[in-house]
C-alpha atoms as a PDB file:
ATOM      1  CA  UNK A   1      54.601 -29.670 -19.704  1.00  0.00           C
ATOM      2  CA  UNK A   2      51.851 -32.338 -20.149  1.00  0.00           C
ATOM      3  CA  UNK A   3      49.785 -31.016 -16.822  1.00  0.00           C
ATOM      4  CA  UNK A   4      50.255 -27.524 -17.656  1.00  0.00           C
ATOM      5  CA  UNK A   5      48.701 -27.695 -21.100  1.00  0.00           C
ATOM      6  CA  UNK A   6      46.379 -30.059 -18.969  1.00  0.00           C
ATOM      7  CA  UNK A   7      45.343 -27.734 -16.436  1.00  0.00           C
ATOM      8  CA  UNK A   8      44.995 -24.728 -18.971  1.00  0.00           C
ATOM      9  CA  UNK A   9      42.289 -26.980 -21.011  1.00  0.00           C
ATOM     10  CA  UNK A  10      40.655 -27.406 -17.710  1.00  0.00           C
ATOM     11  CA  UNK A  11      40.451 -23.890 -16.924  1.00  0.00           C
ATOM     12  CA  UNK A  12      39.421 -22.920 -20.261  1.00  0.00           C
ATOM     13  CA  UNK A  13      36.580 -25.881 -20.247  1.00  0.00           C
ATOM     14  CA  UNK A  14      35.532 -24.948 -16.407  1.00  0.00           C
ATOM     15  CA  UNK A  15      35.225 -20.854 -17.371  1.00  0.00           C
ATOM     16  CA  UNK A  16      32.958 -21.619 -20.104  1.00  0.00           C
ATOM     17  CA  UNK A  17      30.926 -24.449 -18.154  1.00  0.00           C
ATOM     18  CA  UNK A  18      30.654 -21.726 -15.197  1.00  0.00           C
ATOM     19  CA  UNK A  19      28.875 -18.991 -18.063  1.00  0.00           C
ATOM     20  CA  UNK A  20      26.040 -21.735 -17.859  1.00  0.00           C
ATOM     21  CA  UNK A  21      23.529 -21.818 -15.345  1.00  0.00           C
ATOM     22  CA  UNK A  22      21.907 -24.861 -14.161  1.00  0.00           C
ATOM     23  CA  UNK A  23      19.485 -25.347 -11.673  1.00  0.00           C
ATOM     24  CA  UNK A  24      20.694 -28.195  -9.591  1.00  0.00           C
ATOM     25  CA  UNK A  25      17.770 -30.175  -7.692  1.00  0.00           C
ATOM     26  CA  UNK A  26      18.953 -30.065  -4.012  1.00  0.00           C
ATOM     27  CA  UNK A  27      18.627 -34.016  -3.553  1.00  0.00           C
ATOM     28  CA  UNK A  28      22.022 -34.080  -6.332  1.00  0.00           C
ATOM     29  CA  UNK A  29      23.513 -31.088  -4.385  1.00  0.00           C
ATOM     30  CA  UNK A  30      22.948 -33.117  -0.897  1.00  0.00           C
ATOM     31  CA  UNK A  31      24.357 -36.441  -2.033  1.00  0.00           C
ATOM     32  CA  UNK A  32      27.716 -34.287  -3.983  1.00  0.00           C
ATOM     33  CA  UNK A  33      28.531 -33.034  -1.041  1.00  0.00           C
ATOM     34  CA  UNK A  34      28.454 -36.250   0.660  1.00  0.00           C
ATOM     35  CA  UNK A  35      30.100 -37.777  -1.630  1.00  0.00           C
ATOM     36  CA  UNK A  36      33.112 -35.113  -1.956  1.00  0.00           C
ATOM     37  CA  UNK A  37      32.750 -32.801   1.305  1.00  0.00           C
ATOM     38  CA  UNK A  38      36.313 -31.393   0.450  1.00  0.00           C
ATOM     39  CA  UNK A  39      34.976 -29.462  -2.893  1.00  0.00           C
ATOM     40  CA  UNK A  40      34.361 -26.733  -2.758  1.00  0.00           C
ATOM     41  CA  UNK A  41      34.312 -25.129  -6.351  1.00  0.00           C
ATOM     42  CA  UNK A  42      32.262 -27.339  -9.041  1.00  0.00           C
ATOM     43  CA  UNK A  43      30.407 -26.338 -12.082  1.00  0.00           C
ATOM     44  CA  UNK A  44      27.412 -28.176 -13.258  1.00  0.00           C
ATOM     45  CA  UNK A  45      26.187 -29.250 -16.578  1.00  0.00           C
ATOM     46  CA  UNK A  46      22.867 -31.189 -17.353  1.00  0.00           C
ATOM     47  CA  UNK A  47      22.056 -33.443 -19.672  1.00  0.00           C
ATOM     48  CA  UNK A  48      18.489 -35.038 -20.066  1.00  0.00           C
ATOM     49  CA  UNK A  49      17.933 -35.772 -16.856  1.00  0.00           C
ATOM     50  CA  UNK A  50      21.031 -36.275 -15.717  1.00  0.00           C
ATOM     51  CA  UNK A  51      23.388 -33.718 -13.646  1.00  0.00           C
ATOM     52  CA  UNK A  52      27.677 -33.674 -13.978  1.00  0.00           C
ATOM     53  CA  UNK A  53      29.299 -31.782 -11.617  1.00  0.00           C
ATOM     54  CA  UNK A  54      33.097 -30.694 -12.783  1.00  0.00           C
ATOM     55  CA  UNK A  55      35.738 -30.224 -10.433  1.00  0.00           C
ATOM     56  CA  UNK A  56      39.358 -30.605  -8.919  1.00  0.00           C
ATOM     57  CA  UNK A  57      40.158 -33.044  -6.530  1.00  0.00           C
ATOM     58  CA  UNK A  58      43.433 -33.873  -5.345  1.00  0.00           C
ATOM     59  CA  UNK A  59      44.987 -32.146  -8.095  1.00  0.00           C
ATOM     60  CA  UNK A  60      43.189 -33.955 -10.669  1.00  0.00           C
ATOM     61  CA  UNK A  61      40.103 -32.896 -12.456  1.00  0.00           C
ATOM     62  CA  UNK A  62      37.194 -35.141 -12.264  1.00  0.00           C
ATOM     63  CA  UNK A  63      33.389 -35.425 -13.151  1.00  0.00           C
ATOM     64  CA  UNK A  64      30.696 -37.423 -11.073  1.00  0.00           C
ATOM     65  CA  UNK A  65      27.352 -37.590 -12.452  1.00  0.00           C
ATOM     66  CA  UNK A  66      24.269 -37.701 -11.050  1.00  0.00           C
ATOM     67  CA  UNK A  67      20.333 -38.464 -11.854  1.00  0.00           C
ATOM     68  CA  UNK A  68      17.557 -35.534 -10.641  1.00  0.00           C
ATOM     69  CA  UNK A  69      16.800 -37.829  -8.140  1.00  0.00           C
ATOM     70  CA  UNK A  70      20.192 -37.851  -6.675  1.00  0.00           C
ATOM     71  CA  UNK A  71      21.392 -40.712  -6.686  1.00  0.00           C
ATOM     72  CA  UNK A  72      25.190 -41.300  -8.181  1.00  0.00           C
ATOM     73  CA  UNK A  73      25.920 -42.722 -11.505  1.00  0.00           C
ATOM     74  CA  UNK A  74      29.465 -42.451 -12.527  1.00  0.00           C
ATOM     75  CA  UNK A  75      32.744 -40.804 -11.074  1.00  0.00           C
ATOM     76  CA  UNK A  76      35.698 -40.139 -14.371  1.00  0.00           C
ATOM     77  CA  UNK A  77      38.782 -38.785 -12.833  1.00  0.00           C
ATOM     78  CA  UNK A  78      41.046 -37.309 -15.566  1.00  0.00           C
ATOM     79  CA  UNK A  79      45.117 -38.502 -14.762  1.00  0.00           C
ATOM     80  CA  UNK A  80      47.168 -37.167 -17.124  1.00  0.00           C
END
């Protein structure tokens, strides 16, 4: 039941983020693609000069944050 609730909240969260348009620098996109080659659906958020990718990997919700020069800052994974 918890997993179903988490997936529902995740779907809502991703749909809200998908409505926003973020101009992600090419260096950030390249680093993300190298680190997470299997991820095909990603939504981006920008806070200051950092860009956060929100995605699902191996059935877990995850986010990875990068600086505008493409350098990786952190990755977080939600485990229900």
